[in-house]
Amino acid sequence: MILRESSNPELAHKFINFLLRPDIAAANAVTARTTTTNAGARKLLLQGERQKFLAEEWPRVHQTIQRLGLTPEELLDAAKEKPKS
């Protein structure tokens, strides 16, 4: 919201539009350790999370799967099971 009495409403609109850019909204969410309602920012954050998983976590998970000799069928069956409380 920009007040009627604002000394520079045009600059205020530019600043708000800047904050609403998906890349800026995503950076703000990461910095503030919070979520965002900006759909474009959420898409960017999800892409980043996917890339991080594939680069950092998946190699360890894959190595464990191989070490244990688990088959794709076993993994899919386990994914279908309801978690035990």
C-alpha atoms as a PDB file:
ATOM      1  CA  MET A   1       0.000   0.000   0.000  1.00  0.00           C
ATOM      2  CA  ILE A   2       1.278   3.420  -0.899  1.00  0.00           C
ATOM      3  CA  LEU A   3      -0.022   6.376   1.074  1.00  0.00           C
ATOM      4  CA  ARG A   4      -1.683   9.241  -0.783  1.00  0.00           C
ATOM      5  CA  GLU A   5       0.713  11.579   0.966  1.00  0.00           C
ATOM      6  CA  SER A   6       3.744   9.718  -0.368  1.00  0.00           C
ATOM      7  CA  SER A   7       6.407  12.102  -1.641  1.00  0.00           C
ATOM      8  CA  ASN A   8       7.383   9.718  -4.447  1.00  0.00           C
ATOM      9  CA  PRO A   9       4.617   7.239  -5.335  1.00  0.00           C
ATOM     10  CA  GLU A  10       6.284   6.295  -8.641  1.00  0.00           C
ATOM     11  CA  LEU A  11       9.442   5.177  -6.839  1.00  0.00           C
ATOM     12  CA  ALA A  12       7.338   3.332  -4.264  1.00  0.00           C
ATOM     13  CA  HIS A  13       5.590   1.409  -7.076  1.00  0.00           C
ATOM     14  CA  LYS A  14       8.954   0.549  -8.628  1.00  0.00           C
ATOM     15  CA  PHE A  15      10.224  -0.745  -5.286  1.00  0.00           C
ATOM     16  CA  ILE A  16       7.121  -2.891  -4.754  1.00  0.00           C
ATOM     17  CA  ASN A  17       7.428  -4.288  -8.282  1.00  0.00           C
ATOM     18  CA  PHE A  18      11.087  -5.059  -7.580  1.00  0.00           C
ATOM     19  CA  LEU A  19      10.162  -6.959  -4.404  1.00  0.00           C
ATOM     20  CA  LEU A  20       7.541  -8.932  -6.344  1.00  0.00           C
ATOM     21  CA  ARG A  21      10.020 -10.222  -8.931  1.00  0.00           C
ATOM     22  CA  PRO A  22      10.256 -14.022  -8.540  1.00  0.00           C
ATOM     23  CA  ASP A  23      14.044 -13.991  -8.151  1.00  0.00           C
ATOM     24  CA  ILE A  24      13.919 -11.290  -5.474  1.00  0.00           C
ATOM     25  CA  ALA A  25      10.965 -12.882  -3.652  1.00  0.00           C
ATOM     26  CA  ALA A  26      12.819 -16.220  -3.649  1.00  0.00           C
ATOM     27  CA  ALA A  27      15.989 -14.604  -2.298  1.00  0.00           C
ATOM     28  CA  ASN A  28      13.979 -12.861   0.428  1.00  0.00           C
ATOM     29  CA  ALA A  29      12.314 -16.144   1.416  1.00  0.00           C
ATOM     30  CA  VAL A  30      15.686 -17.887   1.677  1.00  0.00           C
ATOM     31  CA  THR A  31      17.242 -15.028   3.644  1.00  0.00           C
ATOM     32  CA  ALA A  32      14.278 -14.781   6.014  1.00  0.00           C
ATOM     33  CA  ARG A  33      14.017 -18.595   6.242  1.00  0.00           C
ATOM     34  CA  THR A  34      10.345 -18.426   5.415  1.00  0.00           C
ATOM     35  CA  THR A  35       8.017 -19.256   2.547  1.00  0.00           C
ATOM     36  CA  THR A  36       6.536 -17.038  -0.124  1.00  0.00           C
ATOM     37  CA  THR A  37       3.166 -16.663  -1.794  1.00  0.00           C
ATOM     38  CA  ASN A  38       4.860 -15.607  -5.032  1.00  0.00           C
ATOM     39  CA  ALA A  39       4.212 -18.479  -7.470  1.00  0.00           C
ATOM     40  CA  GLY A  40       7.242 -17.639  -9.593  1.00  0.00           C
ATOM     41  CA  ALA A  41       9.469 -17.580  -6.526  1.00  0.00           C
ATOM     42  CA  ARG A  42       8.080 -20.918  -5.325  1.00  0.00           C
ATOM     43  CA  LYS A  43       8.903 -22.418  -8.721  1.00  0.00           C
ATOM     44  CA  LEU A  44      12.476 -21.096  -8.504  1.00  0.00           C
ATOM     45  CA  LEU A  45      12.853 -22.407  -4.946  1.00  0.00           C
ATOM     46  CA  LEU A  46      11.574 -25.849  -5.970  1.00  0.00           C
ATOM     47  CA  GLN A  47      14.005 -25.956  -8.895  1.00  0.00           C
ATOM     48  CA  GLY A  48      16.844 -25.072  -6.540  1.00  0.00           C
ATOM     49  CA  GLU A  49      15.745 -27.705  -4.034  1.00  0.00           C
ATOM     50  CA  ARG A  50      15.578 -30.367  -6.777  1.00  0.00           C
ATOM     51  CA  GLN A  51      19.060 -29.463  -8.020  1.00  0.00           C
ATOM     52  CA  LYS A  52      20.459 -29.553  -4.484  1.00  0.00           C
ATOM     53  CA  PHE A  53      18.872 -32.964  -3.837  1.00  0.00           C
ATOM     54  CA  LEU A  54      20.259 -34.432  -7.042  1.00  0.00           C
ATOM     55  CA  ALA A  55      23.728 -33.001  -6.453  1.00  0.00           C
ATOM     56  CA  GLU A  56      24.092 -33.538  -2.695  1.00  0.00           C
ATOM     57  CA  GLU A  57      21.636 -36.087  -1.353  1.00  0.00           C
ATOM     58  CA  TRP A  58      20.900 -38.437  -4.239  1.00  0.00           C
ATOM     59  CA  PRO A  59      24.475 -39.749  -4.562  1.00  0.00           C
ATOM     60  CA  ARG A  60      24.373 -40.923  -0.913  1.00  0.00           C
ATOM     61  CA  VAL A  61      20.889 -42.396  -1.310  1.00  0.00           C
ATOM     62  CA  HIS A  62      21.887 -44.151  -4.539  1.00  0.00           C
ATOM     63  CA  GLN A  63      25.014 -45.547  -2.915  1.00  0.00           C
ATOM     64  CA  THR A  64      22.960 -46.937  -0.030  1.00  0.00           C
ATOM     65  CA  ILE A  65      20.455 -48.504  -2.430  1.00  0.00           C
ATOM     66  CA  GLN A  66      23.278 -50.190  -4.307  1.00  0.00           C
ATOM     67  CA  ARG A  67      25.050 -51.312  -1.120  1.00  0.00           C
ATOM     68  CA  LEU A  68      21.846 -52.907   0.170  1.00  0.00           C
ATOM     69  CA  GLY A  69      21.049 -54.473  -3.199  1.00  0.00           C
ATOM     70  CA  LEU A  70      17.557 -53.003  -3.305  1.00  0.00           C
ATOM     71  CA  THR A  71      15.639 -53.380  -6.558  1.00  0.00           C
ATOM     72  CA  PRO A  72      13.390 -50.711  -8.086  1.00  0.00           C
ATOM     73  CA  GLU A  73      10.402 -52.955  -7.370  1.00  0.00           C
ATOM     74  CA  GLU A  74      11.306 -53.163  -3.673  1.00  0.00           C
ATOM     75  CA  LEU A  75      11.660 -49.410  -3.476  1.00  0.00           C
ATOM     76  CA  LEU A  76       8.317 -48.812  -5.207  1.00  0.00           C
ATOM     77  CA  ASP A  77       6.594 -51.363  -2.970  1.00  0.00           C
ATOM     78  CA  ALA A  78       8.045 -49.688   0.111  1.00  0.00           C
ATOM     79  CA  ALA A  79       6.844 -46.297  -1.145  1.00  0.00           C
ATOM     80  CA  LYS A  80       3.283 -47.676  -1.417  1.00  0.00           C
ATOM     81  CA  GLU A  81       3.244 -48.889   2.205  1.00  0.00           C
ATOM     82  CA  LYS A  82       1.624 -46.738   4.826  1.00  0.00           C
ATOM     83  CA  PRO A  83       4.118 -45.265   7.325  1.00  0.00           C
ATOM     84  CA  LYS A  84       4.050 -46.962  10.731  1.00  0.00           C
ATOM     85  CA  SER A  85       3.087 -44.657  13.564  1.00  0.00           C
END
